[in-house]
Amino acid sequence: MVKGYKVFRPDWTCCPGTDAKQYSCPGKFEENVVLDMCSAGMHFCKKAVDCFNYYSFNPENKVAEVIAYGNVLEEGDKCCTDKLEIVREIPWSELLDLVNTGKGCSGFCNSGNRNSGDCNSGNRNSGDCNSGNRNSGDCNSGNRNSGFCNSGFCNSGDCNSGDWNSGDCNSGNRNSGNRNSGDCNSGNRNSGDCNSGDWNKTSFSNGCFNTVEPKIYLFNKPSEWTYRDWLNSRARRILNKIPAEILEWIWLSDMTDEEKQLHPEAEITNGYLKVLDTSNCNLIWWRGLSAAEKLEIMRMPNFDKAIFKEITGIDISED
C-alpha cells in the first residue's frame, strides 16, 4: 500500500490520455492492465508538490489524498497503479501548507513566509523564484525589487546587480538608464558615474563616447573647471549655506499700516516674526560672510557680478 496525492479537473476527471476517466470522491477504482508509466495505469505522486509538475497550480482543480492498494510502478516523482482508492478531497488551505514549507503562502514551493508567488525562499514575495524579500518581480536575490532577475536591492528595473536602479541591466547603483556599470547615470551603457549621455567611460558627461571629463560653463562661458572641480570647490560649499528662509522680528514701530492690519496680535507682542523673501535672505547671508569667503566666490572662473545678482539677488557693488 502506497499513500500519495492526485490532481483532478473540477469535474473529477483527469487530463486526456491513458488516465482520462471519471473519478469520484471517495471511491475505489481498478484497471486490468500491465502497468506502463504514462501509457497504462492510474497515476499519482507521493508528494503533493510534485503533482504540479503535471498540473497548473489552480485552486479550481480538485486535489485528493489517495492510496494505491494494488501493484505500483514508480519512476522519478511519479507513480502509477492498477488499484487506486480516493480517500478524501484536500481543502486548498491545507494544500498550501503541504506544498510550502513557509507559512501564509498562496503560491507553491515556497520556503519563505507570506509569498503569493511560487518557488520563493524569501518572504512576502508576489513574484516567483525569489531568494530575497518583498519582491514583486521574479528571480530576485535582493530585496524590494519590482523587476526581474535582480541581485541588488530596491530595483524597479530588470536584471540589475546594483542597488536602487530604475533602469535595466545595471551593475552600478542608482541608475535610471540601462546597462550602466557606473553609478547615478541617466544615460545608457556608461562605465563612469553621473552621465546623462551614452557610452561614456568618464563621469559627468552629457555627450557620448567620451573618455575625459568635460569642462563646464560658468557664468555663460566655457571654463577650465570640470563638474567635479565645482563639486569639490570651497565656493560651492560656501554657497550651499545660503538659508532657505530667515525669520526677523519686526517691531510695531517699524511695521507698515498693511502689516498692522494683517497682524493685529502685534499690538500685544509689540511686533511679529516676518519671513523674509529669498532676495532678503541672500543679502543677509552675504553680509554675514567674511572677506575671505566673499573673495573665494568672486574668484570662481568667469565670475560676473551682473549674472550673480540676476540669480541670487545680491549686488556685490553695494557691499
Protein backbone atom coordinates (compact mmCIF):
# COMPACT_ATOMS: atom_id res chain seq x y z
CA MET A 1 0.00 0.00 0.00
CA VAL A 2 1.40 3.42 -1.05
CA LYS A 3 -0.07 6.74 0.03
CA GLY A 4 0.01 9.76 -2.23
CA TYR A 5 -1.81 12.64 -3.90
CA LYS A 6 -3.63 13.13 -7.19
CA VAL A 7 -4.95 16.20 -9.02
CA PHE A 8 -8.23 16.22 -10.96
CA ARG A 9 -10.15 18.67 -13.05
CA PRO A 10 -13.08 20.48 -11.35
CA ASP A 11 -15.43 17.67 -12.53
CA TRP A 12 -13.18 14.91 -11.09
CA THR A 13 -11.83 13.86 -14.49
CA CYS A 14 -8.14 13.78 -15.40
CA CYS A 15 -6.16 15.19 -18.30
CA PRO A 16 -6.77 13.44 -21.65
CA GLY A 17 -4.62 10.34 -22.12
CA THR A 18 -4.39 6.92 -20.54
CA ASP A 19 -5.74 8.32 -17.24
CA ALA A 20 -8.73 10.11 -18.82
CA LYS A 21 -11.70 8.74 -16.91
CA GLN A 22 -14.39 9.84 -14.50
CA TYR A 23 -13.50 9.58 -10.82
CA SER A 24 -15.46 10.25 -7.66
CA CYS A 25 -14.51 11.13 -4.11
CA PRO A 26 -14.43 8.96 -2.13
CA GLY A 27 -14.17 5.90 -4.36
CA LYS A 28 -12.19 2.80 -5.38
CA PHE A 29 -11.06 2.14 -8.95
CA GLU A 30 -9.37 -0.82 -10.62
CA GLU A 31 -7.88 -1.36 -14.08
CA ASN A 32 -6.90 -4.72 -15.59
CA VAL A 33 -3.68 -3.51 -17.26
CA VAL A 34 0.03 -4.18 -17.36
CA LEU A 35 1.46 -1.01 -15.74
CA ASP A 36 3.43 1.24 -18.08
CA MET A 37 4.34 4.76 -16.97
CA CYS A 38 2.43 7.39 -18.99
CA SER A 39 0.76 4.62 -21.02
CA ALA A 40 -1.22 2.32 -18.72
CA GLY A 41 -2.40 2.68 -15.10
CA MET A 42 -3.72 5.37 -12.78
CA HIS A 43 -1.10 7.98 -11.92
CA PHE A 44 -0.33 9.83 -8.68
CA CYS A 45 2.57 11.39 -6.76
CA LYS A 46 3.92 10.62 -3.31
CA LYS A 47 4.40 14.34 -2.62
CA ALA A 48 1.62 16.86 -3.16
CA VAL A 49 4.01 19.44 -4.58
CA ASP A 50 5.15 17.03 -7.33
CA CYS A 51 1.61 16.86 -8.72
CA PHE A 52 2.04 20.40 -10.02
CA ASN A 53 4.82 19.34 -12.33
CA TYR A 54 1.93 17.97 -14.40
CA TYR A 55 -0.99 20.27 -13.49
CA SER A 56 -1.21 24.05 -13.14
CA PHE A 57 -1.45 25.35 -9.57
CA ASN A 58 -5.13 26.24 -9.94
CA PRO A 59 -7.49 26.38 -6.93
CA GLU A 60 -10.38 25.34 -9.19
CA ASN A 61 -8.82 21.90 -9.62
CA LYS A 62 -9.52 19.12 -7.14
CA VAL A 63 -6.68 17.60 -5.11
CA ALA A 64 -7.20 14.36 -3.24
CA GLU A 65 -5.38 12.09 -0.84
CA VAL A 66 -5.12 8.64 -2.43
CA ILE A 67 -3.93 5.12 -1.60
CA ALA A 68 -2.54 2.66 -4.14
CA TYR A 69 -3.53 -0.79 -2.84
CA GLY A 70 -2.56 -2.78 -5.94
CA ASN A 71 0.63 -3.05 -7.95
CA VAL A 72 2.72 0.15 -8.08
CA LEU A 73 5.26 1.32 -10.66
CA GLU A 74 7.44 4.28 -9.66
CA GLU A 75 9.56 6.47 -11.89
CA GLY A 76 11.05 9.77 -10.74
CA ASP A 77 8.43 11.84 -8.94
CA LYS A 78 5.51 9.92 -10.45
CA CYS A 79 3.80 6.59 -9.69
CA CYS A 80 1.09 4.51 -11.37
CA THR A 81 -1.08 1.69 -10.06
CA ASP A 82 -3.83 -0.67 -11.18
CA LYS A 83 -5.85 -0.24 -7.96
CA LEU A 84 -6.46 3.25 -6.53
CA GLU A 85 -8.61 4.50 -3.65
CA ILE A 86 -9.53 8.17 -3.48
CA VAL A 87 -9.74 8.79 0.26
CA ARG A 88 -10.72 12.48 0.60
CA GLU A 89 -10.53 15.86 -1.05
CA ILE A 90 -7.85 18.16 0.39
CA PRO A 91 -9.02 21.75 1.09
CA TRP A 92 -6.95 24.41 -0.66
CA SER A 93 -5.84 25.96 2.65
CA GLU A 94 -4.46 22.57 3.74
CA LEU A 95 -2.82 22.04 0.36
CA LEU A 96 -0.91 25.32 0.70
CA ASP A 97 0.64 24.02 3.90
CA LEU A 98 1.55 20.77 2.12
CA VAL A 99 3.30 22.37 -0.85
CA ASN A 100 5.05 25.17 1.09
CA THR A 101 7.49 24.90 3.96
CA GLY A 102 6.89 28.57 4.76
CA LYS A 103 3.75 29.96 6.39
CA GLY A 104 0.92 32.05 5.00
CA CYS A 105 1.78 31.44 1.33
CA SER A 106 -0.73 31.42 -1.51
CA GLY A 107 1.78 30.12 -4.07
CA PHE A 108 3.62 26.81 -4.02
CA CYS A 109 7.17 25.57 -3.40
CA ASN A 110 7.87 28.48 -1.06
CA SER A 111 10.25 28.02 1.85
CA GLY A 112 9.73 31.62 2.99
CA ASN A 113 6.64 33.18 4.51
CA ARG A 114 3.65 35.09 3.13
CA ASN A 115 4.54 34.60 -0.54
CA SER A 116 1.87 34.90 -3.19
CA GLY A 117 4.28 33.77 -5.93
CA ASP A 118 5.97 30.40 -6.39
CA CYS A 119 9.35 28.86 -5.51
CA ASN A 120 10.43 31.68 -3.18
CA SER A 121 12.89 31.20 -0.33
CA GLY A 122 12.46 34.79 0.89
CA ASN A 123 9.45 36.43 2.49
CA ARG A 124 6.45 38.43 1.26
CA ASN A 125 7.19 37.99 -2.44
CA SER A 126 4.44 38.36 -5.04
CA GLY A 127 6.75 37.18 -7.84
CA ASP A 128 8.40 33.80 -8.41
CA CYS A 129 11.78 32.22 -7.63
CA ASN A 130 12.96 34.98 -5.30
CA SER A 131 15.51 34.40 -2.55
CA GLY A 132 15.17 37.97 -1.28
CA ASN A 133 12.25 39.66 0.46
CA ARG A 134 9.27 41.76 -0.65
CA ASN A 135 9.90 41.35 -4.38
CA SER A 136 7.08 41.78 -6.89
CA GLY A 137 9.21 40.56 -9.81
CA ASP A 138 10.80 37.17 -10.48
CA CYS A 139 14.19 35.56 -9.85
CA ASN A 140 15.46 38.25 -7.49
CA SER A 141 18.10 37.53 -4.85
CA GLY A 142 17.93 41.06 -3.45
CA ASN A 143 15.13 42.80 -1.56
CA ARG A 144 12.21 45.02 -2.52
CA ASN A 145 12.68 44.63 -6.27
CA SER A 146 9.76 45.12 -8.66
CA GLY A 147 11.73 43.98 -11.73
CA PHE A 148 13.14 40.62 -12.75
CA CYS A 149 16.43 38.84 -12.16
CA ASN A 150 17.90 41.42 -9.80
CA SER A 151 20.63 40.56 -7.30
CA GLY A 152 20.68 44.06 -5.83
CA PHE A 153 18.20 45.93 -3.65
CA CYS A 154 15.28 48.24 -4.32
CA ASN A 155 15.43 47.99 -8.13
CA SER A 156 12.39 48.76 -10.25
CA GLY A 157 14.13 47.71 -13.48
CA ASP A 158 15.22 44.27 -14.65
CA CYS A 159 18.46 42.27 -14.43
CA ASN A 160 20.30 44.68 -12.12
CA SER A 161 23.15 43.58 -9.87
CA GLY A 162 23.46 47.04 -8.32
CA ASP A 163 21.07 48.85 -6.00
CA TRP A 164 18.32 51.44 -6.39
CA ASN A 165 18.20 51.21 -10.21
CA SER A 166 15.09 52.12 -12.18
CA GLY A 167 16.71 51.12 -15.48
CA ASP A 168 17.65 47.64 -16.71
CA CYS A 169 20.82 45.52 -16.68
CA ASN A 170 22.84 47.87 -14.46
CA SER A 171 25.73 46.65 -12.32
CA GLY A 172 26.13 50.08 -10.75
CA ASN A 173 23.82 51.91 -8.34
CA ARG A 174 21.06 54.49 -8.65
CA ASN A 175 20.93 54.42 -12.44
CA SER A 176 17.81 55.44 -14.32
CA GLY A 177 19.41 54.47 -17.63
CA ASN A 178 20.23 50.97 -18.88
CA ARG A 179 23.33 48.75 -18.93
CA ASN A 180 25.48 51.04 -16.79
CA SER A 181 28.38 49.74 -14.72
CA GLY A 182 28.84 53.12 -13.05
CA ASP A 183 26.56 54.94 -10.62
CA CYS A 184 23.86 57.60 -10.93
CA ASN A 185 23.66 57.55 -14.74
CA SER A 186 20.53 58.66 -16.57
CA GLY A 187 22.08 57.69 -19.91
CA ASN A 188 22.88 54.20 -21.18
CA ARG A 189 25.96 51.95 -21.29
CA ASN A 190 28.17 54.21 -19.19
CA SER A 191 31.09 52.82 -17.19
CA GLY A 192 31.60 56.13 -15.41
CA ASP A 193 29.32 57.96 -12.98
CA CYS A 194 26.66 60.66 -13.25
CA ASN A 195 26.44 60.66 -17.05
CA SER A 196 23.32 61.83 -18.86
CA GLY A 197 24.77 60.82 -22.23
CA ASP A 198 25.57 57.32 -23.54
CA TRP A 199 28.64 55.08 -23.88
CA ASN A 200 30.87 57.26 -21.70
CA LYS A 201 33.96 55.88 -19.97
CA THR A 202 34.23 59.02 -17.90
CA SER A 203 31.94 60.85 -15.46
CA PHE A 204 29.62 63.88 -15.62
CA SER A 205 29.26 63.73 -19.39
CA ASN A 206 26.07 64.73 -21.21
CA GLY A 207 27.64 63.71 -24.51
CA CYS A 208 28.51 60.28 -25.93
CA PHE A 209 31.68 58.17 -26.27
CA ASN A 210 33.79 60.39 -24.02
CA THR A 211 36.80 59.20 -22.00
CA VAL A 212 37.70 62.59 -20.47
CA GLU A 213 35.54 64.57 -18.06
CA PRO A 214 34.17 67.60 -19.92
CA LYS A 215 34.74 71.19 -18.86
CA ILE A 216 31.66 73.09 -17.71
CA TYR A 217 30.26 76.51 -18.49
CA LEU A 218 30.42 79.04 -15.66
CA PHE A 219 28.63 82.37 -15.95
CA ASN A 220 27.62 81.55 -19.54
CA LYS A 221 31.20 80.99 -20.71
CA PRO A 222 33.49 77.97 -21.11
CA SER A 223 35.72 77.41 -18.09
CA GLU A 224 38.68 75.23 -17.14
CA TRP A 225 36.65 73.56 -14.40
CA THR A 226 35.04 70.13 -14.65
CA TYR A 227 31.85 69.45 -12.78
CA ARG A 228 33.95 67.50 -10.28
CA ASP A 229 36.05 70.65 -9.72
CA TRP A 230 32.85 72.54 -8.98
CA LEU A 231 31.63 69.86 -6.56
CA ASN A 232 34.93 69.98 -4.69
CA SER A 233 35.25 73.77 -4.67
CA ARG A 234 35.18 75.88 -1.49
CA ALA A 235 32.94 78.40 -3.30
CA ARG A 236 30.24 75.74 -3.69
CA ARG A 237 30.47 74.80 -0.01
CA ILE A 238 30.04 78.46 0.97
CA LEU A 239 27.09 78.99 -1.41
CA ASN A 240 25.35 75.87 -0.15
CA LYS A 241 24.99 77.55 3.24
CA ILE A 242 22.52 80.13 1.92
CA PRO A 243 19.42 79.71 4.15
CA ALA A 244 16.07 78.83 2.62
CA GLU A 245 14.38 81.46 4.79
CA ILE A 246 15.16 83.81 7.67
CA LEU A 247 12.78 84.91 10.42
CA GLU A 248 13.17 88.52 11.57
CA TRP A 249 11.35 90.26 14.41
CA ILE A 250 9.67 93.45 13.14
CA TRP A 251 8.88 95.94 15.89
CA LEU A 252 5.46 97.55 15.98
CA SER A 253 7.03 100.96 15.39
CA ASP A 254 8.64 99.67 12.16
CA MET A 255 5.55 97.92 10.79
CA THR A 256 3.65 99.30 7.82
CA ASP A 257 -0.08 100.02 8.10
CA GLU A 258 -0.77 96.96 5.93
CA GLU A 259 1.33 94.75 8.22
CA LYS A 260 -0.51 96.09 11.29
CA GLN A 261 -3.83 95.13 9.67
CA LEU A 262 -2.59 91.62 8.82
CA HIS A 263 -1.07 91.09 12.30
CA PRO A 264 -3.36 92.62 14.98
CA GLU A 265 -1.62 90.41 17.58
CA ALA A 266 1.40 92.72 17.21
CA GLU A 267 -0.36 95.28 19.47
CA ILE A 268 0.10 92.84 22.35
CA THR A 269 3.52 91.41 21.44
CA ASN A 270 4.88 94.77 20.20
CA GLY A 271 5.74 93.22 16.85
CA TYR A 272 5.69 89.98 14.80
CA LEU A 273 8.04 87.49 13.18
CA LYS A 274 8.38 88.13 9.47
CA VAL A 275 9.56 85.52 6.96
CA LEU A 276 11.97 87.30 4.64
CA ASP A 277 11.88 86.54 0.92
CA THR A 278 14.75 84.92 -0.99
CA SER A 279 16.49 88.12 -2.01
CA ASN A 280 16.48 89.46 1.56
CA CYS A 281 17.73 86.11 2.90
CA ASN A 282 20.56 86.01 0.37
CA LEU A 283 21.59 89.59 1.14
CA ILE A 284 21.67 88.97 4.91
CA TRP A 285 23.70 85.81 4.28
CA TRP A 286 26.18 87.69 2.02
CA ARG A 287 26.71 90.45 4.57
CA GLY A 288 27.48 87.80 7.17
CA LEU A 289 30.35 86.28 5.17
CA SER A 290 33.95 87.05 5.93
CA ALA A 291 36.03 88.99 3.41
CA ALA A 292 37.93 85.77 2.59
CA GLU A 293 34.69 83.87 1.88
CA LYS A 294 33.39 86.62 -0.40
CA LEU A 295 36.71 86.63 -2.24
CA GLU A 296 36.53 82.84 -2.70
CA ILE A 297 33.19 83.19 -4.51
CA MET A 298 34.37 86.09 -6.67
CA ARG A 299 37.42 84.05 -7.68
CA MET A 300 35.26 81.50 -9.48
CA PRO A 301 36.20 81.30 -13.19
CA ASN A 302 34.39 83.87 -15.32
CA PHE A 303 32.73 85.47 -12.26
CA ASP A 304 30.20 88.03 -13.48
CA LYS A 305 28.60 90.28 -10.85
CA ALA A 306 25.59 91.08 -13.09
CA ILE A 307 24.77 87.37 -13.58
CA PHE A 308 25.43 86.74 -9.88
CA LYS A 309 22.89 89.46 -8.99
CA GLU A 310 20.34 88.15 -11.53
CA ILE A 311 20.45 84.67 -9.99
CA THR A 312 20.96 85.40 -6.27
CA GLY A 313 19.60 88.94 -5.89
CA ILE A 314 22.92 90.02 -4.32
CA ASP A 315 24.50 93.21 -5.67
CA ILE A 316 28.11 92.95 -4.60
CA SER A 317 28.67 96.57 -5.76
CA GLU A 318 26.58 97.79 -2.79
CA ASP A 319 28.64 95.81 -0.30
